[in-house]
């Protein structure tokens, strides 16, 4: 594979809380060359579009946000009327197949996109993708294989990636978790090259999570990430790309 331009996005509904990381995969390794945070004066859309410019190289966006909703929820709500019961249980309606897959394989379950505030983050992520399509004048579809030549996006889950790599992640998102964040960055730097400062580590995990998004992208591009099983609703609901865990909880 030729080199791939990488963008890691720790998505958020507030632009000032969006973490961004930019890097490149050269066919063997991944290098992070910039990490930063969005702002209300310079939107993440502007920052990404300005850095990608008119690049003709393949681009992979690794986005920490759900990019789809549970299929049972969509089917149940299509003809639902106020006051009528919902036949399926809440877990079936609010959780995607990929969320349950991640929980079974690595012991980490993402937030329920159908029931948590994460739905607003998912909405913002999809708007960002559409904005980039218009600004870059490129088709951006989801990648289902490491082999592609244009601009693609994947859904990632930084906390799950850390767990799959055997990197302790307890407490790193807490306000007082700066020490844990620095420890994680040291571990991540043994797997990909982080050739830049990672700002705002004392403030929170947003920018660090964007760097971890590029570790997830590296796993995807090297074929280490687990693909969706046949006949699962990934094309409808989306798929979280996480590598096979160092210590699997369940047999393959």
Protein backbone atom coordinates (compact mmCIF):
# COMPACT_ATOMS: atom_id res chain seq x y z
CA UNK A 1 0.00 0.00 0.00
CA UNK A 2 1.14 3.55 -0.73
CA UNK A 3 1.26 6.01 2.14
CA UNK A 4 -2.06 7.01 3.68
CA UNK A 5 -2.79 10.39 5.24
CA UNK A 6 -4.41 9.85 8.64
CA UNK A 7 -6.77 12.03 10.65
CA UNK A 8 -7.85 11.02 14.13
CA UNK A 9 -10.95 12.74 15.46
CA UNK A 10 -12.13 12.53 19.05
CA UNK A 11 -15.61 13.75 18.24
CA UNK A 12 -17.78 16.01 20.40
CA UNK A 13 -20.86 18.16 19.94
CA UNK A 14 -18.89 21.21 21.16
CA UNK A 15 -16.11 22.11 18.68
CA UNK A 16 -13.89 23.23 21.57
CA UNK A 17 -13.88 19.67 22.90
CA UNK A 18 -12.90 17.97 19.64
CA UNK A 19 -9.44 16.43 19.68
CA UNK A 20 -7.54 16.13 16.39
CA UNK A 21 -4.44 14.22 15.37
CA UNK A 22 -2.78 14.17 11.95
CA UNK A 23 -0.31 11.61 10.72
CA UNK A 24 0.75 9.22 8.01
CA UNK A 25 0.93 5.47 7.52
CA UNK A 26 3.83 4.54 5.23
CA UNK A 27 2.97 0.89 4.68
CA UNK A 28 4.84 -0.31 7.75
CA UNK A 29 4.49 2.18 10.57
CA UNK A 30 2.41 5.17 11.60
CA UNK A 31 3.75 8.59 12.59
CA UNK A 32 1.70 11.26 14.35
CA UNK A 33 3.01 14.68 13.31
CA UNK A 34 0.41 17.02 14.82
CA UNK A 35 -2.07 16.91 17.69
CA UNK A 36 -4.40 19.76 18.61
CA UNK A 37 -7.85 20.75 19.79
CA UNK A 38 -10.69 22.42 17.94
CA UNK A 39 -12.19 25.74 18.97
CA UNK A 40 -15.26 27.83 18.33
CA UNK A 41 -13.19 30.33 16.34
CA UNK A 42 -11.50 27.68 14.18
CA UNK A 43 -13.82 24.74 13.67
CA UNK A 44 -12.60 21.15 13.39
CA UNK A 45 -14.02 21.13 9.86
CA UNK A 46 -11.84 24.09 8.87
CA UNK A 47 -8.78 22.63 10.58
CA UNK A 48 -9.09 19.26 8.86
CA UNK A 49 -9.95 20.71 5.44
CA UNK A 50 -7.06 23.19 5.58
CA UNK A 51 -4.53 20.47 6.40
CA UNK A 52 -5.77 18.00 3.83
CA UNK A 53 -5.98 20.63 1.12
CA UNK A 54 -5.86 19.18 -2.36
CA UNK A 55 -3.94 16.05 -1.42
CA UNK A 56 -4.26 13.24 -3.93
CA UNK A 57 -3.04 10.55 -1.55
CA UNK A 58 -5.48 8.14 0.14
CA UNK A 59 -6.98 9.56 3.33
CA UNK A 60 -8.33 7.66 6.32
CA UNK A 61 -10.43 9.40 8.97
CA UNK A 62 -10.54 7.48 12.25
CA UNK A 63 -13.50 8.83 14.20
CA UNK A 64 -14.31 8.22 17.84
CA UNK A 65 -18.10 8.36 17.51
CA UNK A 66 -20.89 6.03 16.46
CA UNK A 67 -21.53 6.37 12.73
CA UNK A 68 -24.79 4.46 12.73
CA UNK A 69 -27.78 3.58 14.89
CA UNK A 70 -29.19 0.22 16.00
CA UNK A 71 -31.21 -1.41 13.24
CA UNK A 72 -33.95 -2.65 15.63
CA UNK A 73 -34.48 0.90 16.87
CA UNK A 74 -34.88 2.25 13.34
CA UNK A 75 -37.36 -0.49 12.50
CA UNK A 76 -39.34 -0.05 15.74
CA UNK A 77 -39.64 3.74 15.40
CA UNK A 78 -40.53 3.81 11.70
CA UNK A 79 -44.25 3.38 12.35
CA UNK A 80 -44.43 3.99 16.10
CA UNK A 81 -47.11 6.26 17.46
CA UNK A 82 -46.91 8.17 20.73
CA UNK A 83 -48.27 6.14 23.59
CA UNK A 84 -47.88 2.77 21.89
CA UNK A 85 -45.52 0.23 23.48
CA UNK A 86 -42.18 -0.73 22.02
CA UNK A 87 -42.08 -4.49 21.68
CA UNK A 88 -38.31 -5.01 21.96
CA UNK A 89 -36.41 -4.59 25.22
CA UNK A 90 -34.24 -1.52 25.79
CA UNK A 91 -30.91 -3.27 25.26
CA UNK A 92 -32.04 -4.56 21.87
CA UNK A 93 -33.26 -1.14 20.81
CA UNK A 94 -30.38 0.99 22.06
CA UNK A 95 -27.29 -1.19 21.48
CA UNK A 96 -25.71 -2.08 18.18
CA UNK A 97 -24.27 -5.45 17.24
CA UNK A 98 -20.77 -3.94 17.20
CA UNK A 99 -21.16 -2.62 20.76
CA UNK A 100 -21.98 -6.10 22.04
CA UNK A 101 -19.15 -7.60 19.96
CA UNK A 102 -16.65 -5.21 21.57
CA UNK A 103 -17.93 -6.05 25.04
CA UNK A 104 -17.67 -9.80 24.45
CA UNK A 105 -14.20 -9.67 22.89
CA UNK A 106 -12.41 -7.12 25.05
CA UNK A 107 -14.69 -6.50 28.02
CA UNK A 108 -15.39 -2.86 27.15
CA UNK A 109 -18.84 -1.73 26.03
CA UNK A 110 -19.30 1.64 24.32
CA UNK A 111 -22.11 3.92 25.40
CA UNK A 112 -25.52 3.10 23.95
CA UNK A 113 -25.93 5.42 20.97
CA UNK A 114 -29.70 5.11 21.17
CA UNK A 115 -30.01 6.07 24.82
CA UNK A 116 -27.08 8.26 25.89
CA UNK A 117 -25.87 11.79 25.15
CA UNK A 118 -23.45 10.11 22.75
CA UNK A 119 -26.23 10.43 20.15
CA UNK A 120 -25.44 14.15 19.88
CA UNK A 121 -21.79 13.31 19.34
CA UNK A 122 -22.78 10.85 16.60
CA UNK A 123 -24.90 13.54 14.98
CA UNK A 124 -21.97 15.99 15.07
CA UNK A 125 -19.61 13.37 13.61
CA UNK A 126 -21.90 12.71 10.66
CA UNK A 127 -22.28 16.44 10.03
CA UNK A 128 -18.48 16.75 10.07
CA UNK A 129 -18.18 13.98 7.49
CA UNK A 130 -20.72 15.67 5.24
CA UNK A 131 -18.97 19.02 5.64
CA UNK A 132 -15.68 17.46 4.59
CA UNK A 133 -17.30 15.91 1.53
CA UNK A 134 -18.42 19.35 0.43
CA UNK A 135 -15.22 21.22 1.35
CA UNK A 136 -12.84 18.65 -0.18
CA UNK A 137 -15.12 17.79 -3.09
CA UNK A 138 -14.50 14.11 -2.34
CA UNK A 139 -16.68 11.12 -1.81
CA UNK A 140 -16.10 9.84 1.73
CA UNK A 141 -17.51 6.41 2.47
CA UNK A 142 -16.82 3.93 5.24
CA UNK A 143 -13.85 1.62 4.74
CA UNK A 144 -14.40 -2.12 5.08
CA UNK A 145 -10.92 -3.18 4.02
CA UNK A 146 -7.39 -1.72 4.38
CA UNK A 147 -7.19 -1.64 0.58
CA UNK A 148 -8.55 1.64 -0.78
CA UNK A 149 -7.35 4.50 -2.94
CA UNK A 150 -9.57 7.46 -2.12
CA UNK A 151 -10.93 8.99 1.10
CA UNK A 152 -12.48 6.68 3.66
CA UNK A 153 -13.63 6.78 7.28
CA UNK A 154 -13.77 4.23 10.06
CA UNK A 155 -15.36 4.20 13.50
CA UNK A 156 -12.96 3.61 16.37
CA UNK A 157 -13.15 3.35 20.15
CA UNK A 158 -9.98 4.57 21.92
CA UNK A 159 -10.70 2.97 25.31
CA UNK A 160 -11.33 -0.32 23.54
CA UNK A 161 -8.13 -0.02 21.52
CA UNK A 162 -6.14 0.55 24.71
CA UNK A 163 -7.68 -2.51 26.34
CA UNK A 164 -7.04 -4.63 23.24
CA UNK A 165 -3.37 -3.58 23.34
CA UNK A 166 -3.13 -4.44 27.03
CA UNK A 167 -2.65 -0.77 28.02
CA UNK A 168 -4.21 0.14 31.36
CA UNK A 169 -6.81 2.86 30.85
CA UNK A 170 -8.47 3.16 34.24
CA UNK A 171 -9.05 6.77 35.24
CA UNK A 172 -7.46 8.42 32.21
CA UNK A 173 -10.59 10.37 31.29
CA UNK A 174 -11.02 11.86 34.77
CA UNK A 175 -10.18 15.52 35.35
CA UNK A 176 -7.43 14.49 37.76
CA UNK A 177 -6.18 11.73 35.44
CA UNK A 178 -3.18 13.57 33.93
CA UNK A 179 -0.69 11.02 35.28
CA UNK A 180 -2.68 8.18 33.71
CA UNK A 181 -2.82 10.08 30.41
CA UNK A 182 0.94 10.57 30.33
CA UNK A 183 1.47 6.89 31.12
CA UNK A 184 -0.84 5.94 28.26
CA UNK A 185 0.96 8.25 25.84
CA UNK A 186 4.25 6.57 26.70
CA UNK A 187 2.72 3.17 25.96
CA UNK A 188 1.11 4.32 22.72
CA UNK A 189 4.46 5.77 21.62
CA UNK A 190 5.97 2.28 21.72
CA UNK A 191 3.47 1.17 19.07
CA UNK A 192 3.33 4.17 16.76
CA UNK A 193 5.69 7.14 16.47
CA UNK A 194 4.37 10.29 18.14
CA UNK A 195 6.57 12.99 16.62
CA UNK A 196 4.81 15.95 18.22
CA UNK A 197 3.75 17.37 21.55
CA UNK A 198 0.28 16.35 22.74
CA UNK A 199 -1.24 19.50 24.29
CA UNK A 200 -3.85 19.90 27.00
CA UNK A 201 -2.98 16.66 28.80
CA UNK A 202 -3.67 18.36 32.13
CA UNK A 203 -7.07 19.52 30.92
CA UNK A 204 -8.49 16.25 29.64
CA UNK A 205 -8.21 13.28 27.31
CA UNK A 206 -9.62 14.76 24.08
CA UNK A 207 -6.33 15.28 22.22
CA UNK A 208 -4.82 12.08 23.59
CA UNK A 209 -7.89 10.16 22.39
CA UNK A 210 -7.34 11.61 18.91
CA UNK A 211 -3.79 10.20 18.98
CA UNK A 212 -5.18 6.83 20.07
CA UNK A 213 -7.56 7.05 17.10
CA UNK A 214 -4.44 6.91 14.91
CA UNK A 215 -3.28 3.78 16.74
CA UNK A 216 -6.69 2.31 15.88
CA UNK A 217 -6.17 3.38 12.25
CA UNK A 218 -2.76 1.70 12.29
CA UNK A 219 -4.37 -1.53 13.52
CA UNK A 220 -6.95 -1.29 10.73
CA UNK A 221 -4.39 -0.63 7.99
CA UNK A 222 -2.09 -3.45 9.11
CA UNK A 223 -4.96 -5.93 9.14
CA UNK A 224 -4.90 -6.41 12.92
CA UNK A 225 -8.43 -5.07 13.51
CA UNK A 226 -11.31 -7.51 13.74
CA UNK A 227 -13.74 -7.34 10.80
CA UNK A 228 -17.50 -7.74 11.16
CA UNK A 229 -18.76 -11.34 11.06
CA UNK A 230 -20.79 -12.38 8.01
CA UNK A 231 -24.48 -11.52 8.04
CA UNK A 232 -24.24 -9.00 10.91
CA UNK A 233 -25.88 -5.57 10.37
CA UNK A 234 -22.58 -3.64 10.20
CA UNK A 235 -23.39 -1.92 6.89
CA UNK A 236 -26.55 -0.52 8.48
CA UNK A 237 -25.35 0.12 12.04
CA UNK A 238 -21.63 0.80 11.60
CA UNK A 239 -18.63 -1.13 12.88
CA UNK A 240 -16.02 -0.36 15.56
CA UNK A 241 -12.56 -1.40 14.35
CA UNK A 242 -10.63 -2.87 17.27
CA UNK A 243 -7.67 -5.21 17.03
CA UNK A 244 -7.76 -8.73 18.38
CA UNK A 245 -7.04 -8.40 22.10
CA UNK A 246 -3.66 -9.32 23.56
CA UNK A 247 -5.51 -11.55 26.02
CA UNK A 248 -8.82 -12.63 24.54
CA UNK A 249 -11.75 -13.10 26.89
CA UNK A 250 -13.47 -15.37 24.38
CA UNK A 251 -12.11 -17.92 21.89
CA UNK A 252 -11.95 -16.93 18.24
